[in-house]
Amino acid sequence: QVQLVESGGGLVQAGGSLRLSCAASGTIFSIKTMDWYRQAPGKQRELVATITNFGSTNYADSVKGRFTISRDNAKNTVYLQMNSLKPEDTAVYYCKIRLSLNNDYWGQGTQVTVSS
């Protein structure tokens, strides 16, 4: 069984920064991709950032240049550094890891609220 524990969400003013963490535990041999998604009220869940086991990253256009995804393979942890936050970044943020094809695990979500 694999569990993901997220932390780092909260309330911040526009222009501020937050750092999200997501730690995976359980029977894990390797993690292929680690992702951050977000879901705002009334909207569909969207992919924010991805990092592969080779360290390649990809970002949604809306966060490029402001967010940075990174991972610590020794700790099975993925991070999302969020700078220059905007009110439209307000959402519940979820991490997802892929151990193999069709073998994904999701975190419970952490609320990020950006006030104007």
Protein backbone atom coordinates (compact mmCIF):
# COMPACT_ATOMS: atom_id res chain seq x y z
CA GLN A 1 0.00 0.00 0.00
CA VAL A 2 1.22 3.47 -0.89
CA GLN A 3 0.26 6.64 0.92
CA LEU A 4 0.88 10.26 -0.01
CA VAL A 5 0.94 13.04 2.55
CA GLU A 6 0.79 16.62 1.35
CA SER A 7 1.69 19.73 3.28
CA GLY A 8 2.48 23.40 2.79
CA GLY A 9 -0.83 24.86 1.70
CA GLY A 10 -2.35 27.93 3.29
CA LEU A 11 -3.45 31.52 2.87
CA VAL A 12 -1.11 34.01 1.22
CA GLN A 13 -1.43 37.46 -0.29
CA ALA A 14 -1.05 38.00 -4.00
CA GLY A 15 2.61 38.18 -4.93
CA GLY A 16 3.59 35.86 -2.11
CA SER A 17 5.10 32.39 -2.13
CA LEU A 18 4.29 28.93 -0.85
CA ARG A 19 6.08 25.60 -1.03
CA LEU A 20 4.07 22.42 -1.23
CA SER A 21 5.47 19.03 -0.30
CA CYS A 22 4.18 15.55 -1.00
CA ALA A 23 5.85 12.57 0.66
CA ALA A 24 5.15 9.03 -0.50
CA SER A 25 5.51 6.02 1.78
CA GLY A 26 4.87 2.31 1.57
CA THR A 27 6.05 -0.34 -0.86
CA ILE A 28 7.82 1.76 -3.46
CA PHE A 29 10.64 0.54 -5.66
CA SER A 30 10.76 3.49 -7.99
CA ILE A 31 8.57 6.40 -8.99
CA LYS A 32 8.34 7.25 -12.65
CA THR A 33 6.54 10.55 -12.79
CA MET A 34 5.43 12.91 -10.03
CA ASP A 35 2.78 15.49 -10.76
CA TRP A 36 0.95 18.37 -9.19
CA TYR A 37 -2.66 19.02 -10.16
CA ARG A 38 -5.08 21.62 -8.93
CA GLN A 39 -8.83 22.03 -8.86
CA ALA A 40 -10.56 25.36 -8.34
CA PRO A 41 -14.22 25.55 -7.31
CA GLY A 42 -16.49 24.79 -10.24
CA LYS A 43 -13.60 23.85 -12.51
CA GLN A 44 -12.04 20.64 -13.70
CA ARG A 45 -8.85 19.33 -12.19
CA GLU A 46 -5.88 20.50 -14.24
CA LEU A 47 -2.27 19.41 -14.49
CA VAL A 48 0.06 22.07 -13.12
CA ALA A 49 3.51 20.50 -13.32
CA THR A 50 5.23 17.18 -13.99
CA ILE A 51 8.68 15.84 -13.24
CA THR A 52 9.99 12.53 -14.57
CA ASN A 53 12.44 10.14 -12.95
CA PHE A 54 15.07 11.65 -15.25
CA GLY A 55 14.38 15.12 -13.92
CA SER A 56 12.59 16.46 -16.97
CA THR A 57 9.90 18.96 -16.13
CA ASN A 58 6.83 20.35 -17.81
CA TYR A 59 4.47 23.12 -16.72
CA ALA A 60 1.06 24.49 -17.54
CA ASP A 61 1.35 27.77 -19.43
CA SER A 62 -0.44 29.57 -16.62
CA VAL A 63 2.36 28.83 -14.11
CA LYS A 64 5.49 28.87 -16.27
CA GLY A 65 8.15 31.12 -14.83
CA ARG A 66 6.41 31.25 -11.43
CA PHE A 67 6.24 27.63 -10.22
CA THR A 68 9.07 25.13 -9.92
CA ILE A 69 8.62 21.40 -9.43
CA SER A 70 11.41 19.31 -7.93
CA ARG A 71 11.85 15.89 -6.36
CA ASP A 72 14.01 14.14 -3.82
CA ASN A 73 14.19 10.49 -4.86
CA ALA A 74 15.85 9.42 -1.62
CA LYS A 75 12.84 10.74 0.29
CA ASN A 76 10.19 9.85 -2.33
CA THR A 77 9.09 13.45 -2.08
CA VAL A 78 7.97 15.98 -4.65
CA TYR A 79 7.87 19.72 -4.10
CA LEU A 80 6.15 22.63 -5.76
CA GLN A 81 7.67 26.04 -5.16
CA MET A 82 5.07 28.66 -6.02
CA ASN A 83 6.17 32.28 -6.40
CA SER A 84 4.36 35.42 -7.51
CA LEU A 85 1.07 33.86 -6.58
CA LYS A 86 -2.13 35.23 -8.07
CA PRO A 87 -5.73 34.98 -6.87
CA GLU A 88 -6.43 32.69 -9.82
CA ASP A 89 -3.98 30.18 -8.35
CA THR A 90 -6.48 29.55 -5.56
CA ALA A 91 -7.39 25.85 -5.62
CA VAL A 92 -6.97 22.54 -3.91
CA TYR A 93 -3.60 21.15 -4.98
CA TYR A 94 -3.10 17.41 -5.37
CA CYS A 95 0.03 15.40 -5.95
CA LYS A 96 0.03 12.24 -8.00
CA ILE A 97 2.75 9.66 -8.47
CA ARG A 98 3.02 6.96 -11.10
CA LEU A 99 4.82 3.76 -10.15
CA SER A 100 4.10 2.01 -13.41
CA LEU A 101 1.51 2.02 -16.18
CA ASN A 102 -1.98 2.33 -14.71
CA ASN A 103 -0.53 2.32 -11.19
CA ASP A 104 -1.13 5.84 -9.88
CA TYR A 105 -1.61 7.18 -6.38
CA TRP A 106 -3.09 10.50 -5.32
CA GLY A 107 -2.62 12.70 -2.30
CA GLN A 108 -5.51 13.98 -0.24
CA GLY A 109 -5.16 17.56 -1.43
CA THR A 110 -4.04 20.77 0.24
CA GLN A 111 -5.85 24.11 0.00
CA VAL A 112 -4.03 27.11 -1.41
CA THR A 113 -5.82 30.44 -1.11
CA VAL A 114 -4.40 33.62 -2.59
CA SER A 115 -6.01 36.86 -1.50
CA SER A 116 -5.99 39.99 -3.64
